[in-house]
Amino acid sequence: MAAVRKINRDTCRMRDPEWPNPSPSDELGLVALDYNLSPERIISAYRHGIFPWPDSGRFSPIPWVCPPRRAILEFTALHIPRNLRRSQRAHSALRFTVDHAFPAVIQACAAAPRPAQHGTWITPPMIAAYLEVHRLGHAHSVEAWDGEKLVGGLYGVTSGGVFTGESMFHHIADVSKLCVLHLIGHLSARGATWLDIQQLTPHFALLGAREISRTEFLTRLAAVQREQLSLFP
């Protein structure tokens, strides 16, 4: 990893001096590298379009990144594939909630199998940090229930009117995607028009997500923050 960059306010439009701007030539968009997982730092990072991208090493320093390309899902571009519509009908008895079981959701996301990865970045220190961010009202979850059994969910962080998705899990096929649809309904009802998914994945591409430049993402983020949307009670 490269060292922390000198501040250049024109590149990434950061507002706080503790967040340097990423070099345009860095493919990860590294902003900082440290061990600081305080809730205040996490909240500040998301408000500036930055997120932590650690590996599975519990004692490794944390890369804070603002990637050159960012994946978003605009609600007007949402496409629900035919097989997902079938899953909606098949699982119509499931119950969906918001912020009813954040600790259980993040623990389940940490335990979810990742065949292409070695371990998970959702380590115990990360879980503890995001639990505190949730307690402060900036991290939220969506849950899917089969009776009293938690069968799917997702969590993420809000940053002044924008929801950034972090991770999902499911114990029944397609249920995490159904949680995304529930989240979109929740956000749309409160005035949001898009969500940040950080990296484009195949299943989000099927839902209509696309990549935009860092500059466009930060411009969008700042515009939404000026609206002061309240996405969660």
Protein backbone atom coordinates (compact mmCIF):
# COMPACT_ATOMS: atom_id res chain seq x y z
CA MET A 1 0.00 0.00 0.00
CA ALA A 2 1.15 3.52 -0.71
CA ALA A 3 1.66 6.02 2.08
CA VAL A 4 -1.02 8.56 3.01
CA ARG A 5 -1.21 11.28 0.37
CA LYS A 6 -0.69 15.00 0.74
CA ILE A 7 -3.99 16.91 0.79
CA ASN A 8 -5.20 18.17 -2.59
CA ARG A 9 -8.61 19.75 -2.10
CA ASP A 10 -9.49 19.88 -5.79
CA THR A 11 -9.29 16.12 -6.42
CA CYS A 12 -11.80 14.58 -4.02
CA ARG A 13 -13.51 17.66 -2.49
CA MET A 14 -12.82 16.61 1.08
CA ARG A 15 -13.84 19.10 3.75
CA ASP A 16 -11.87 17.96 6.79
CA PRO A 17 -8.06 18.24 6.90
CA GLU A 18 -7.70 14.82 8.54
CA TRP A 19 -8.82 13.16 5.28
CA PRO A 20 -6.22 13.54 2.52
CA ASN A 21 -7.35 13.06 -1.05
CA PRO A 22 -6.61 9.86 -2.97
CA SER A 23 -4.12 9.98 -5.79
CA PRO A 24 -5.85 9.69 -9.17
CA SER A 25 -3.26 7.04 -10.11
CA ASP A 26 -4.06 4.76 -7.14
CA GLU A 27 -6.41 2.00 -8.32
CA LEU A 28 -7.85 1.54 -4.81
CA GLY A 29 -8.15 5.23 -4.03
CA LEU A 30 -6.20 4.96 -0.77
CA VAL A 31 -6.79 7.94 1.51
CA ALA A 32 -5.32 6.79 4.84
CA LEU A 33 -3.84 3.73 6.51
CA ASP A 34 -4.19 3.42 10.29
CA TYR A 35 -5.71 1.55 13.23
CA ASN A 36 -8.34 4.14 14.18
CA LEU A 37 -11.80 2.55 14.26
CA SER A 38 -13.51 5.13 16.44
CA PRO A 39 -17.20 5.67 15.63
CA GLU A 40 -16.50 9.34 14.96
CA ARG A 41 -13.89 8.48 12.35
CA ILE A 42 -16.15 5.93 10.66
CA ILE A 43 -19.05 8.39 10.49
CA SER A 44 -16.77 11.13 9.16
CA ALA A 45 -15.35 8.78 6.52
CA TYR A 46 -18.73 7.90 5.02
CA ARG A 47 -19.76 11.55 4.99
CA HIS A 48 -16.70 12.19 2.82
CA GLY A 49 -17.29 9.29 0.44
CA ILE A 50 -14.64 7.13 2.13
CA PHE A 51 -15.03 3.65 3.58
CA PRO A 52 -12.73 1.13 5.30
CA TRP A 53 -11.51 -1.76 3.18
CA PRO A 54 -9.56 -4.04 5.53
CA ASP A 55 -8.46 -7.57 4.79
CA SER A 56 -9.09 -10.52 7.10
CA GLY A 57 -5.99 -9.83 9.21
CA ARG A 58 -7.23 -8.79 12.62
CA PHE A 59 -4.14 -6.74 13.45
CA SER A 60 -3.45 -5.22 10.03
CA PRO A 61 -3.80 -1.46 9.54
CA ILE A 62 -7.05 -0.36 7.95
CA PRO A 63 -7.02 1.05 4.42
CA TRP A 64 -9.53 3.90 4.08
CA VAL A 65 -10.44 4.29 0.42
CA CYS A 66 -12.33 6.49 -2.02
CA PRO A 67 -12.14 4.41 -5.23
CA PRO A 68 -11.79 5.97 -8.69
CA ARG A 69 -14.98 4.15 -9.74
CA ARG A 70 -18.05 3.81 -7.52
CA ALA A 71 -21.09 1.59 -7.99
CA ILE A 72 -24.54 3.03 -7.34
CA LEU A 73 -28.08 1.83 -7.85
CA GLU A 74 -30.50 4.52 -9.02
CA PHE A 75 -34.05 3.62 -8.13
CA THR A 76 -35.40 4.74 -11.51
CA ALA A 77 -33.05 2.20 -13.14
CA LEU A 78 -34.10 -0.68 -10.86
CA HIS A 79 -34.76 -3.87 -12.82
CA ILE A 80 -36.31 -6.87 -11.08
CA PRO A 81 -35.44 -10.03 -13.05
CA ARG A 82 -38.15 -12.59 -13.69
CA ASN A 83 -36.61 -15.16 -11.34
CA LEU A 84 -36.50 -12.60 -8.52
CA ARG A 85 -40.17 -11.81 -9.07
CA ARG A 86 -40.85 -15.54 -8.72
CA SER A 87 -38.90 -15.52 -5.44
CA GLN A 88 -40.99 -12.57 -4.23
CA ARG A 89 -44.14 -14.61 -4.78
CA ALA A 90 -42.64 -17.79 -3.33
CA HIS A 91 -41.50 -15.99 -0.18
CA SER A 92 -44.50 -13.72 0.25
CA ALA A 93 -44.97 -14.97 3.82
CA LEU A 94 -41.60 -13.59 4.94
CA ARG A 95 -41.64 -10.57 7.22
CA PHE A 96 -39.21 -7.69 6.64
CA THR A 97 -38.10 -5.24 9.31
CA VAL A 98 -35.66 -2.36 9.71
CA ASP A 99 -33.23 -2.08 12.63
CA HIS A 100 -34.83 -4.88 14.61
CA ALA A 101 -31.70 -7.06 14.87
CA PHE A 102 -28.60 -5.15 13.78
CA PRO A 103 -26.17 -7.18 15.96
CA ALA A 104 -27.51 -10.49 14.62
CA VAL A 105 -27.32 -9.23 11.02
CA ILE A 106 -23.72 -8.08 11.18
CA GLN A 107 -22.70 -11.32 12.91
CA ALA A 108 -24.45 -13.34 10.21
CA CYS A 109 -22.76 -11.28 7.48
CA ALA A 110 -19.39 -11.98 9.10
CA ALA A 111 -20.13 -15.72 9.15
CA ALA A 112 -21.44 -15.88 5.57
CA PRO A 113 -19.33 -18.11 3.27
CA ARG A 114 -17.06 -16.29 0.80
CA PRO A 115 -15.61 -18.92 -1.54
CA ALA A 116 -13.39 -16.46 -3.44
CA GLN A 117 -11.98 -14.81 -0.31
CA HIS A 118 -9.72 -15.85 2.55
CA GLY A 119 -11.73 -15.06 5.64
CA THR A 120 -13.81 -11.92 6.16
CA TRP A 121 -13.04 -8.25 6.67
CA ILE A 122 -15.91 -8.14 9.20
CA THR A 123 -13.59 -8.95 12.10
CA PRO A 124 -14.49 -8.63 15.80
CA PRO A 125 -13.00 -5.09 16.01
CA MET A 126 -15.02 -4.06 12.93
CA ILE A 127 -18.19 -5.56 14.42
CA ALA A 128 -17.65 -3.72 17.70
CA ALA A 129 -17.07 -0.44 15.85
CA TYR A 130 -20.16 -0.74 13.66
CA LEU A 131 -22.30 -1.74 16.63
CA GLU A 132 -21.34 1.58 18.20
CA VAL A 133 -22.04 3.43 14.94
CA HIS A 134 -25.46 1.76 14.96
CA ARG A 135 -26.03 2.82 18.56
CA LEU A 136 -25.30 6.39 17.50
CA GLY A 137 -27.93 6.14 14.75
CA HIS A 138 -25.70 6.00 11.66
CA ALA A 139 -25.65 2.26 10.83
CA HIS A 140 -28.82 0.37 9.96
CA SER A 141 -30.05 -3.08 9.03
CA VAL A 142 -32.84 -4.76 7.12
CA GLU A 143 -33.99 -8.18 8.33
CA ALA A 144 -36.02 -10.98 6.74
CA TRP A 145 -37.88 -13.32 9.08
CA ASP A 146 -39.48 -16.71 8.58
CA GLY A 147 -41.62 -16.71 11.67
CA GLU A 148 -39.14 -15.91 14.44
CA LYS A 149 -36.12 -17.14 12.47
CA LEU A 150 -33.76 -14.63 10.88
CA VAL A 151 -33.22 -15.89 7.32
CA GLY A 152 -31.58 -12.93 5.59
CA GLY A 153 -30.45 -9.38 6.01
CA LEU A 154 -28.14 -6.53 5.12
CA TYR A 155 -26.53 -3.59 6.85
CA GLY A 156 -24.93 -0.32 5.90
CA VAL A 157 -24.20 3.23 6.94
CA THR A 158 -26.06 6.47 6.27
CA SER A 159 -24.14 9.64 5.49
CA GLY A 160 -26.40 12.64 5.38
CA GLY A 161 -29.13 11.15 3.21
CA VAL A 162 -27.19 8.46 1.33
CA PHE A 163 -27.22 4.80 2.36
CA THR A 164 -24.00 2.87 1.72
CA GLY A 165 -24.52 -0.88 1.67
CA GLU A 166 -21.82 -2.92 3.40
CA SER A 167 -22.75 -6.59 3.45
CA MET A 168 -25.62 -9.06 3.07
CA PHE A 169 -26.40 -12.65 4.00
CA HIS A 170 -29.12 -15.19 3.30
CA HIS A 171 -30.15 -18.61 4.53
CA ILE A 172 -32.83 -18.94 1.82
CA ALA A 173 -32.01 -18.31 -1.84
CA ASP A 174 -32.64 -14.73 -3.04
CA VAL A 175 -33.71 -13.45 0.37
CA SER A 176 -30.80 -10.99 0.62
CA LYS A 177 -31.94 -9.53 -2.72
CA LEU A 178 -35.47 -9.26 -1.36
CA CYS A 179 -33.97 -7.31 1.55
CA VAL A 180 -32.45 -4.93 -0.99
CA LEU A 181 -35.88 -4.40 -2.53
CA HIS A 182 -37.35 -3.72 0.91
CA LEU A 183 -34.54 -1.25 1.59
CA ILE A 184 -35.22 0.57 -1.69
CA GLY A 185 -38.90 0.86 -0.79
CA HIS A 186 -37.96 2.21 2.64
CA LEU A 187 -35.50 4.75 1.23
CA SER A 188 -37.77 5.83 -1.63
CA ALA A 189 -40.58 6.60 0.79
CA ARG A 190 -38.24 9.03 2.54
CA GLY A 191 -37.08 10.88 -0.54
CA ALA A 192 -33.91 8.99 -1.50
CA THR A 193 -33.36 8.24 -5.19
CA TRP A 194 -30.23 6.05 -5.15
CA LEU A 195 -27.95 4.04 -2.90
CA ASP A 196 -24.20 3.48 -2.79
CA ILE A 197 -23.09 -0.13 -3.22
CA GLN A 198 -19.36 0.64 -3.41
CA GLN A 199 -18.37 -2.09 -5.89
CA LEU A 200 -20.34 -3.44 -8.82
CA THR A 201 -21.20 -7.13 -8.42
CA PRO A 202 -22.97 -9.36 -10.96
CA HIS A 203 -26.24 -9.58 -9.05
CA PHE A 204 -26.39 -5.82 -8.49
CA ALA A 205 -25.65 -5.28 -12.18
CA LEU A 206 -28.70 -7.42 -12.93
CA LEU A 207 -30.73 -5.09 -10.69
CA GLY A 208 -29.63 -2.10 -12.77
CA ALA A 209 -26.62 -0.80 -10.83
CA ARG A 210 -23.81 0.96 -12.67
CA GLU A 211 -20.42 2.53 -12.04
CA ILE A 212 -19.76 6.26 -11.99
CA SER A 213 -16.57 8.25 -11.50
CA ARG A 214 -15.33 9.34 -8.09
CA THR A 215 -15.94 12.97 -9.05
CA GLU A 216 -19.56 12.30 -10.00
CA PHE A 217 -20.14 10.24 -6.87
CA LEU A 218 -18.81 12.95 -4.57
CA THR A 219 -20.86 15.58 -6.38
CA ARG A 220 -23.98 13.47 -5.91
CA LEU A 221 -23.14 12.82 -2.27
CA ALA A 222 -22.70 16.52 -1.52
CA ALA A 223 -25.97 17.38 -3.29
CA VAL A 224 -27.95 14.86 -1.24
CA GLN A 225 -26.34 16.00 2.00
CA ARG A 226 -27.55 19.55 1.29
CA GLU A 227 -31.11 18.16 1.16
CA GLN A 228 -30.75 16.80 4.72
CA LEU A 229 -32.94 13.77 4.13
CA SER A 230 -33.93 11.74 7.18
CA LEU A 231 -33.83 8.12 6.07
CA PHE A 232 -34.29 6.38 9.40
CA PRO A 233 -36.22 7.39 12.55
